[in-house]
Protein backbone atom coordinates (compact mmCIF):
# COMPACT_ATOMS: atom_id res chain seq x y z
CA MET A 1 0.00 0.00 0.00
CA SER A 2 2.84 2.42 0.78
CA THR A 3 4.09 2.32 -2.81
CA ARG A 4 0.63 3.25 -4.08
CA GLY A 5 0.13 6.03 -1.60
CA GLN A 6 -2.47 6.45 1.12
CA TRP A 7 -4.81 9.13 2.37
CA GLY A 8 -3.14 11.13 5.08
CA SER A 9 -6.33 11.30 7.12
CA ARG A 10 -9.97 10.25 7.11
CA LEU A 11 -10.92 13.89 6.55
CA GLY A 12 -8.79 13.94 3.41
CA PHE A 13 -10.56 10.87 2.05
CA ILE A 14 -14.00 12.27 2.85
CA MET A 15 -13.20 15.58 1.17
CA ALA A 16 -11.79 13.87 -1.92
CA ALA A 17 -14.63 11.34 -2.23
CA ALA A 18 -17.27 14.02 -1.63
CA GLY A 19 -15.51 16.20 -4.18
CA SER A 20 -15.72 13.43 -6.76
CA ALA A 21 -19.47 13.30 -6.17
CA VAL A 22 -20.12 17.05 -6.05
CA GLY A 23 -20.01 18.56 -9.52
CA LEU A 24 -21.78 20.67 -12.08
CA GLY A 25 -24.84 18.42 -12.02
CA ASN A 26 -25.38 19.13 -8.31
CA ILE A 27 -25.27 22.88 -8.70
CA TRP A 28 -27.50 23.23 -11.73
CA ARG A 29 -29.19 20.04 -12.85
CA PHE A 30 -30.46 18.88 -9.47
CA PRO A 31 -32.47 22.06 -8.71
CA TYR A 32 -33.81 22.12 -12.27
CA VAL A 33 -34.98 18.50 -12.19
CA THR A 34 -36.43 19.02 -8.73
CA GLY A 35 -38.51 21.94 -9.94
CA GLN A 36 -39.75 20.03 -12.97
CA ASN A 37 -40.69 16.88 -11.08
CA GLY A 38 -42.81 17.97 -8.14
CA GLY A 39 -40.51 20.22 -6.11
CA GLY A 40 -40.45 18.95 -2.55
CA ALA A 41 -42.00 15.65 -3.65
CA PHE A 42 -39.08 14.92 -5.98
CA LEU A 43 -36.67 15.96 -3.24
CA PHE A 44 -38.28 13.39 -0.93
CA VAL A 45 -37.94 10.61 -3.55
CA TYR A 46 -34.33 11.59 -4.21
CA MET A 47 -33.49 11.43 -0.51
CA LEU A 48 -34.97 7.94 -0.32
CA CYS A 49 -32.91 6.84 -3.34
CA VAL A 50 -29.72 8.17 -1.74
CA LEU A 51 -30.45 6.57 1.62
CA LEU A 52 -31.79 3.20 0.52
CA ILE A 53 -29.83 2.55 -2.69
CA GLY A 54 -27.01 5.05 -3.15
CA LEU A 55 -25.49 4.85 0.32
CA PRO A 56 -25.28 1.01 0.43
CA LEU A 57 -23.56 1.06 -2.97
CA ILE A 58 -21.11 3.67 -1.67
CA TYR A 59 -20.24 1.34 1.20
CA ASN A 60 -19.90 -1.59 -1.19
CA GLU A 61 -17.49 0.15 -3.55
CA ILE A 62 -15.35 1.71 -0.82
CA ALA A 63 -15.15 -1.66 0.95
CA LEU A 64 -14.14 -3.45 -2.27
CA GLY A 65 -11.34 -0.96 -2.85
CA ARG A 66 -10.11 -1.08 0.75
CA LEU A 67 -10.21 -4.90 0.82
CA THR A 68 -8.16 -5.41 -2.33
CA GLY A 69 -5.99 -2.29 -2.29
CA LYS A 70 -6.28 -2.20 -6.07
CA ASN A 71 -7.69 -0.11 -8.88
CA ALA A 72 -11.13 -0.98 -10.29
CA VAL A 73 -9.84 -3.69 -12.65
CA GLY A 74 -7.59 -5.27 -10.03
CA ALA A 75 -10.34 -5.12 -7.41
CA PHE A 76 -12.81 -6.98 -9.63
CA ARG A 77 -10.22 -9.58 -10.57
CA ASP A 78 -8.83 -10.15 -7.07
CA SER A 79 -12.29 -10.45 -5.53
CA GLY A 80 -13.13 -13.41 -7.80
CA GLY A 81 -14.68 -11.72 -10.81
CA ASN A 82 -14.28 -13.64 -14.06
CA ARG A 83 -13.22 -12.06 -17.34
CA PHE A 84 -16.80 -11.14 -18.27
CA TRP A 85 -17.38 -9.09 -15.12
CA VAL A 86 -13.94 -7.53 -15.24
CA ILE A 87 -14.67 -6.24 -18.74
CA THR A 88 -18.33 -5.26 -18.31
CA GLY A 89 -17.78 -3.82 -14.84
CA ALA A 90 -14.30 -2.50 -14.25
CA VAL A 91 -13.07 -1.82 -17.80
CA LEU A 92 -16.26 -0.01 -18.76
CA ALA A 93 -16.00 2.03 -15.57
CA LEU A 94 -12.53 3.15 -16.65
CA CYS A 95 -13.87 4.06 -20.08
CA VAL A 96 -16.76 6.04 -18.60
CA SER A 97 -14.43 8.09 -16.40
CA PHE A 98 -12.07 8.78 -19.30
CA PHE A 99 -14.66 9.77 -21.90
CA VAL A 100 -16.75 11.85 -19.49
CA LEU A 101 -13.54 13.65 -18.51
CA SER A 102 -12.89 14.47 -22.17
CA TYR A 103 -16.09 16.52 -22.63
CA TYR A 104 -16.70 17.50 -19.01
CA SER A 105 -13.49 19.51 -19.03
CA VAL A 106 -14.76 21.41 -22.07
CA ILE A 107 -17.77 22.63 -20.09
CA ALA A 108 -15.54 23.36 -17.09
CA GLY A 109 -13.45 25.52 -19.39
CA TRP A 110 -16.57 27.57 -20.14
CA THR A 111 -16.82 28.43 -16.44
CA ILE A 112 -13.28 29.86 -16.50
CA GLY A 113 -14.27 32.03 -19.44
CA TYR A 114 -17.32 33.32 -17.60
CA ILE A 115 -15.29 34.14 -14.47
CA ILE A 116 -13.05 36.33 -16.61
CA SER A 117 -16.00 37.80 -18.48
CA GLU A 118 -17.65 39.02 -15.27
CA PHE A 119 -14.85 41.60 -15.08
CA THR A 120 -13.94 42.08 -18.76
CA ASP A 121 -17.28 41.45 -20.48
CA PHE A 122 -15.57 39.69 -23.39
CA ILE A 123 -18.41 37.16 -23.74
CA LYS A 124 -21.23 38.97 -25.52
CA ASP A 125 -23.27 35.96 -26.56
CA PHE A 126 -23.22 32.33 -25.45
CA ASP A 127 -23.58 30.85 -28.95
CA THR A 128 -20.74 33.02 -30.24
CA PHE A 129 -18.56 32.06 -27.30
CA ILE A 130 -18.90 28.27 -27.66
CA SER A 131 -18.51 28.50 -31.45
CA THR A 132 -15.18 30.34 -31.19
CA ALA A 133 -12.33 27.85 -31.14
CA TRP A 134 -9.84 30.43 -29.86
CA TYR A 135 -11.93 30.72 -26.71
CA VAL A 136 -13.09 27.19 -25.91
CA VAL A 137 -10.00 25.14 -26.80
CA PRO A 138 -7.44 27.14 -24.72
CA LEU A 139 -9.84 27.24 -21.76
CA PHE A 140 -10.36 23.48 -22.14
CA ALA A 141 -6.59 22.98 -22.18
CA LEU A 142 -6.12 25.19 -19.12
CA PHE A 143 -8.65 23.27 -17.06
CA MET A 144 -7.16 19.92 -18.11
CA LEU A 145 -3.68 21.16 -17.23
CA VAL A 146 -4.75 22.15 -13.70
CA THR A 147 -6.37 18.72 -13.24
CA VAL A 148 -3.22 16.88 -14.34
CA ILE A 149 -0.97 19.00 -12.10
CA ILE A 150 -3.06 18.14 -9.04
CA VAL A 151 -3.04 14.41 -9.82
CA LEU A 152 0.74 14.55 -10.33
CA GLY A 153 1.09 15.42 -6.66
CA GLY A 154 -0.07 11.95 -5.65
CA ILE A 155 -2.76 10.86 -3.20
CA SER A 156 -1.93 12.77 -0.02
CA GLY A 157 0.26 15.46 -1.57
CA GLY A 158 -1.94 16.23 -4.56
CA ILE A 159 -5.54 15.01 -4.51
CA GLU A 160 -6.01 15.15 -0.72
CA ARG A 161 -4.33 18.54 -0.32
CA ALA A 162 -6.33 20.04 -3.16
CA SER A 163 -9.60 18.57 -1.89
CA LYS A 164 -9.05 19.93 1.61
CA LEU A 165 -8.74 23.38 0.06
CA LEU A 166 -11.35 23.15 -2.69
CA MET A 167 -14.24 21.58 -0.75
CA PRO A 168 -14.35 24.19 2.05
CA LEU A 169 -14.00 26.87 -0.63
CA LEU A 170 -16.92 25.31 -2.49
CA PHE A 171 -19.17 25.45 0.59
CA ILE A 172 -18.14 29.05 1.33
CA LEU A 173 -19.04 30.05 -2.23
CA VAL A 174 -22.35 28.17 -2.05
CA PHE A 175 -23.37 30.05 1.09
CA ALA A 176 -22.14 33.41 -0.24
CA VAL A 177 -24.14 33.18 -3.48
CA MET A 178 -27.14 31.62 -1.70
CA LEU A 179 -27.36 34.42 0.87
CA ARG A 180 -27.18 37.06 -1.85
CA SER A 181 -29.89 35.32 -3.88
CA LEU A 182 -32.21 34.97 -0.89
CA THR A 183 -31.96 38.67 -0.08
CA LEU A 184 -33.16 39.78 -3.52
CA PRO A 185 -36.68 41.28 -3.73
CA GLY A 186 -39.13 38.56 -4.78
CA ALA A 187 -36.71 35.75 -3.95
CA MET A 188 -39.28 33.89 -1.83
CA GLU A 189 -41.30 33.04 -4.94
CA GLY A 190 -38.34 31.03 -6.12
CA VAL A 191 -38.13 29.25 -2.77
CA LYS A 192 -41.82 28.33 -3.00
CA TYR A 193 -41.33 27.02 -6.52
CA TYR A 194 -38.41 24.91 -5.33
CA LEU A 195 -39.89 23.45 -2.16
CA THR A 196 -43.64 23.29 -2.66
CA PRO A 197 -44.43 19.57 -3.00
CA ASP A 198 -46.71 18.23 -5.69
CA PHE A 199 -47.01 14.52 -5.01
CA SER A 200 -49.30 14.09 -8.01
CA LYS A 201 -46.23 14.50 -10.21
CA ILE A 202 -44.53 11.39 -8.81
CA THR A 203 -44.59 8.84 -11.60
CA SER A 204 -42.31 6.00 -12.63
CA LYS A 205 -40.35 8.45 -14.78
CA VAL A 206 -39.88 10.81 -11.84
CA ILE A 207 -38.68 7.94 -9.65
CA LEU A 208 -36.28 6.84 -12.38
CA ALA A 209 -35.02 10.42 -12.73
CA ALA A 210 -34.39 10.59 -8.98
CA LEU A 211 -32.64 7.22 -9.02
CA GLY A 212 -30.50 8.21 -12.00
CA GLN A 213 -29.52 11.48 -10.32
CA ALA A 214 -28.59 9.60 -7.14
CA PHE A 215 -26.47 7.02 -9.02
CA PHE A 216 -24.68 9.58 -11.13
CA SER A 217 -24.17 12.25 -8.49
CA LEU A 218 -22.81 9.88 -5.84
CA SER A 219 -20.08 8.56 -8.20
CA VAL A 220 -21.55 5.05 -8.07
CA GLY A 221 -20.51 2.74 -10.91
CA TRP A 222 -17.56 4.78 -12.16
CA GLY A 223 -14.78 2.92 -10.35
CA ILE A 224 -14.01 6.18 -8.52
CA LEU A 225 -14.98 5.04 -5.03
CA ILE A 226 -13.26 1.68 -5.57
CA THR A 227 -10.09 3.53 -6.52
CA TYR A 228 -10.33 6.03 -3.67
CA GLY A 229 -11.21 3.22 -1.24
CA SER A 230 -8.05 1.36 -2.25
CA TYR A 231 -5.97 4.14 -0.70
CA LEU A 232 -7.66 3.72 2.70
CA PRO A 233 -5.90 1.97 5.61
CA LYS A 234 -7.40 -1.42 6.44
CA ASN A 235 -8.66 -0.22 9.83
CA GLU A 236 -10.54 2.80 8.49
CA ASN A 237 -14.23 3.08 9.41
CA ILE A 238 -16.01 3.23 6.07
CA VAL A 239 -19.51 3.53 7.57
CA THR A 240 -19.10 7.07 8.88
CA SER A 241 -16.87 8.08 5.97
CA GLY A 242 -19.38 6.88 3.37
CA LEU A 243 -22.22 8.58 5.21
CA TRP A 244 -20.36 11.89 5.16
CA VAL A 245 -19.77 11.57 1.42
CA ALA A 246 -23.49 11.08 0.78
CA VAL A 247 -24.49 13.89 3.16
CA MET A 248 -22.09 16.44 1.66
CA ASP A 249 -23.08 15.59 -1.90
CA THR A 250 -26.80 15.86 -1.14
CA LEU A 251 -26.33 19.05 0.88
CA VAL A 252 -24.64 20.84 -2.01
CA ALA A 253 -27.42 19.77 -4.37
CA VAL A 254 -30.14 20.99 -2.02
CA LEU A 255 -28.41 24.31 -1.31
CA ALA A 256 -27.93 24.88 -5.04
CA GLY A 257 -31.67 25.30 -5.37
CA PHE A 258 -31.54 28.15 -2.87
CA MET A 259 -28.86 29.83 -5.01
CA ILE A 260 -30.55 29.60 -8.36
CA PHE A 261 -34.33 29.77 -8.05
CA PRO A 262 -34.55 32.88 -5.83
CA ALA A 263 -32.33 34.83 -8.24
CA VAL A 264 -34.23 33.61 -11.29
CA PHE A 265 -37.65 34.49 -9.87
CA ALA A 266 -36.45 37.80 -8.43
CA PHE A 267 -35.71 38.99 -11.97
CA GLY A 268 -38.71 37.34 -13.62
CA LYS A 269 -36.71 34.82 -15.63
CA ASP A 270 -37.89 31.42 -16.89
CA PRO A 271 -36.40 28.62 -14.72
CA ALA A 272 -36.88 25.97 -17.45
CA GLN A 273 -33.96 26.81 -19.72
CA GLY A 274 -31.28 24.16 -19.19
CA THR A 275 -27.70 25.37 -19.55
CA ALA A 276 -29.03 28.52 -21.12
CA LEU A 277 -30.04 29.45 -17.59
CA VAL A 278 -26.49 29.07 -16.29
CA PHE A 279 -24.59 30.58 -19.21
CA GLN A 280 -27.11 33.08 -20.57
CA VAL A 281 -29.83 34.02 -18.10
CA LEU A 282 -27.86 33.98 -14.84
CA PRO A 283 -25.11 36.34 -16.09
CA ASP A 284 -27.89 38.82 -16.93
CA VAL A 285 -29.33 38.32 -13.46
CA PHE A 286 -26.00 38.97 -11.77
CA ASN A 287 -25.30 42.01 -13.92
CA SER A 288 -28.70 43.40 -12.96
CA ILE A 289 -27.87 43.37 -9.25
CA PRO A 290 -27.33 47.05 -8.37
CA SER A 291 -24.22 46.61 -6.24
CA GLY A 292 -21.49 44.00 -6.75
CA GLY A 293 -23.35 41.95 -9.34
CA ASN A 294 -20.17 41.10 -11.23
CA ILE A 295 -18.56 39.87 -8.01
CA VAL A 296 -21.54 37.63 -7.24
CA GLY A 297 -21.42 36.34 -10.83
CA ALA A 298 -17.70 35.64 -10.63
CA LEU A 299 -18.19 33.79 -7.35
CA PHE A 300 -20.94 31.69 -8.89
CA PHE A 301 -18.85 30.63 -11.89
CA LEU A 302 -15.85 30.08 -9.63
CA LEU A 303 -18.12 27.75 -7.66
CA LEU A 304 -18.96 25.85 -10.84
CA CYS A 305 -15.27 25.64 -11.74
CA VAL A 306 -14.29 24.33 -8.29
CA ALA A 307 -17.07 21.75 -8.37
CA ALA A 308 -15.94 20.60 -11.81
CA LEU A 309 -12.32 20.38 -10.69
CA THR A 310 -13.05 18.18 -7.67
CA SER A 311 -14.80 15.77 -10.03
CA SER A 312 -12.27 15.85 -12.87
CA ILE A 313 -9.48 14.95 -10.43
CA SER A 314 -11.25 11.70 -9.59
CA MET A 315 -12.02 10.95 -13.23
CA ILE A 316 -8.38 11.13 -14.25
CA GLU A 317 -7.27 9.12 -11.21
CA VAL A 318 -9.37 6.07 -12.17
CA PRO A 319 -7.56 5.21 -15.45
CA ALA A 320 -4.26 6.54 -14.07
CA SER A 321 -4.43 4.14 -11.11
CA TYR A 322 -4.96 1.26 -13.57
CA LEU A 323 -1.78 2.16 -15.43
CA ILE A 324 0.13 2.57 -12.18
CA ASP A 325 -1.04 -0.75 -10.66
CA GLU A 326 -1.36 -3.03 -13.66
CA LYS A 327 1.22 -1.64 -16.07
CA LYS A 328 3.69 -0.39 -13.43
CA TRP A 329 3.78 3.11 -14.87
CA ARG A 330 5.11 6.04 -12.87
CA ARG A 331 2.36 8.38 -11.67
CA LYS A 332 3.89 11.24 -13.64
CA ASN A 333 3.69 9.33 -16.92
CA ALA A 334 0.21 7.98 -16.24
CA ALA A 335 -1.27 11.39 -15.35
CA TRP A 336 0.23 13.16 -18.36
CA VAL A 337 -0.74 10.43 -20.84
CA ILE A 338 -4.34 10.25 -19.61
CA GLY A 339 -4.63 14.05 -19.54
CA ILE A 340 -3.21 14.53 -23.03
CA LEU A 341 -5.30 11.72 -24.52
CA ALA A 342 -8.46 13.08 -22.86
CA PHE A 343 -7.67 16.51 -24.29
CA ILE A 344 -7.21 15.10 -27.80
CA VAL A 345 -10.40 13.04 -27.56
CA GLY A 346 -12.26 16.07 -26.22
CA ILE A 347 -11.28 18.44 -29.05
CA PRO A 348 -14.22 17.33 -31.26
CA SER A 349 -16.56 18.07 -28.34
CA ALA A 350 -14.97 21.50 -27.90
CA LEU A 351 -15.45 22.25 -31.60
CA SER A 352 -18.96 20.82 -31.86
CA GLY A 353 -20.60 23.97 -30.50
CA GLY A 354 -20.26 25.63 -33.89
CA ALA A 355 -16.50 26.11 -34.25
CA SER A 356 -16.37 23.23 -36.75
CA ALA A 357 -19.24 22.51 -39.13
CA PHE A 358 -18.00 18.94 -39.49
CA PHE A 359 -18.15 18.11 -35.78
CA THR A 360 -21.25 20.23 -35.17
CA ASN A 361 -23.34 18.47 -37.82
CA MET A 362 -21.79 14.99 -37.74
CA GLN A 363 -24.18 12.11 -37.01
CA ILE A 364 -23.24 8.50 -36.33
CA PRO A 365 -25.59 5.53 -36.98
CA PHE A 366 -26.06 3.54 -33.79
CA PHE A 367 -28.34 0.49 -33.43
CA GLY A 368 -30.91 1.82 -35.85
CA GLY A 369 -30.86 5.33 -34.41
CA THR A 370 -28.53 8.29 -34.71
CA VAL A 371 -26.02 9.65 -32.22
CA LYS A 372 -25.40 13.34 -32.76
CA ALA A 373 -21.64 13.51 -32.31
CA GLY A 374 -21.70 17.29 -32.38
CA PHE A 375 -24.11 17.81 -29.52
CA PHE A 376 -22.62 20.86 -27.78
CA ARG A 377 -24.82 23.41 -29.51
CA HIS A 378 -27.77 21.30 -28.43
CA TYR A 379 -26.04 21.09 -25.06
CA GLY A 380 -25.90 24.85 -24.85
CA ARG A 381 -29.66 25.12 -24.81
CA HIS A 382 -30.78 21.84 -23.29
CA PHE A 383 -27.95 20.56 -21.09
CA TRP A 384 -29.06 18.90 -17.86
CA ARG A 385 -32.66 18.46 -19.01
CA THR A 386 -34.50 15.26 -18.11
CA ALA A 387 -34.71 12.48 -20.67
CA HIS A 388 -38.43 12.92 -21.22
CA CYS A 389 -38.19 13.91 -24.86
CA ASN A 390 -39.72 11.79 -27.62
CA SER A 391 -36.52 11.11 -29.50
CA SER A 392 -35.26 8.16 -27.39
CA LEU A 393 -31.80 7.80 -25.90
CA TYR A 394 -30.13 7.90 -29.31
CA HIS A 395 -30.72 11.62 -29.45
CA GLN A 396 -29.46 12.27 -25.93
CA PRO A 397 -25.94 13.54 -25.20
CA VAL A 398 -23.38 10.75 -25.31
CA HIS A 399 -22.93 10.55 -21.54
CA ARG A 400 -26.54 9.44 -21.12
CA LEU A 401 -25.79 6.29 -23.05
CA GLY A 402 -23.54 4.99 -20.29
CA TYR A 403 -26.11 3.70 -17.82
CA GLY A 404 -29.50 4.03 -19.46
CA TYR A 405 -30.62 6.51 -16.80
CA PRO A 406 -31.74 10.09 -17.46
CA GLN A 407 -28.42 11.44 -16.26
CA THR A 408 -26.44 14.62 -16.55
CA GLY A 409 -22.93 15.89 -16.58
CA ARG A 410 -21.78 15.63 -12.99
């Protein structure tokens, strides 16, 4: 275990594991789906999914990692899994982490651009921004570079140290933006919209949406918690640690609703606008605040960036740990290779918002349907919507194909 590295403390593990769970989907998608699926009623179903299904799976994955002291592939193999389960379970988990990282970092790069724009106003229009390669590709590269540098530092010196800094910062930013939103005139209408239960809206689709959000948000099925659990000492109490991970992830999601809906309703905006709300409507809301609106806006997008970073660290660690354990690579080589490959694979995603007509319009036949390879312009208007459209999963963003659930970017 010493050659692989270990968490320096239980707090470090909790912060890192919670950071892997907390991401962009918590801060935007969860409040949006809650509002569209019964408000408080959906929140109640989601809590049940986390408690009864998500939390036991968290314990299972952490325990599997701690028991074997191996990456996801090694853990499946050493615990008695045959070749079929190693491939369909562990190898696919590695692939999911890698490919989600490749486009997730593109969106995270957008948040960096919007932080800068709150003070320079260089982003005039969202569609123009995402269709300009000289904006999105360098920002994508910058975010990926920061992620790689953190992973290069190792478990305790890199991931744990960064998580101990980033997670408290994330909560401070959540409370700062939330308090400002709640003090806006008319903010209570947004709170009512968010929390008023409508149990008549609970259907099988709503339950599936809540279950999918719980699975995706808690990092279950990615190999992340197996990998992070493998760096735990054998005597570590995983019951309390796993509970803290679930609590922190759910708390951020719930508080996000108190950031977004009060501000949206205070300025008479439409809450049902997907990513357009985050990257188009909310900047207008922040700029309309009489005093310090640009500071509030910068804090909000910094919050999104921090949340994305805590997740991207874990996504790069999953395949990197495989190369370190199974192929005996040095951490430095593994982190750089995964980061560079993810950047190369993610370039089509970065250009598919309009910067390249080829990638924007490209469609790929898939089991009788069509996967829209250039989905980022669609993403820009409908990202983090529920999968209730009539076009089936073949017309959903690629990440929704992974589990069959109506999921989102994390």
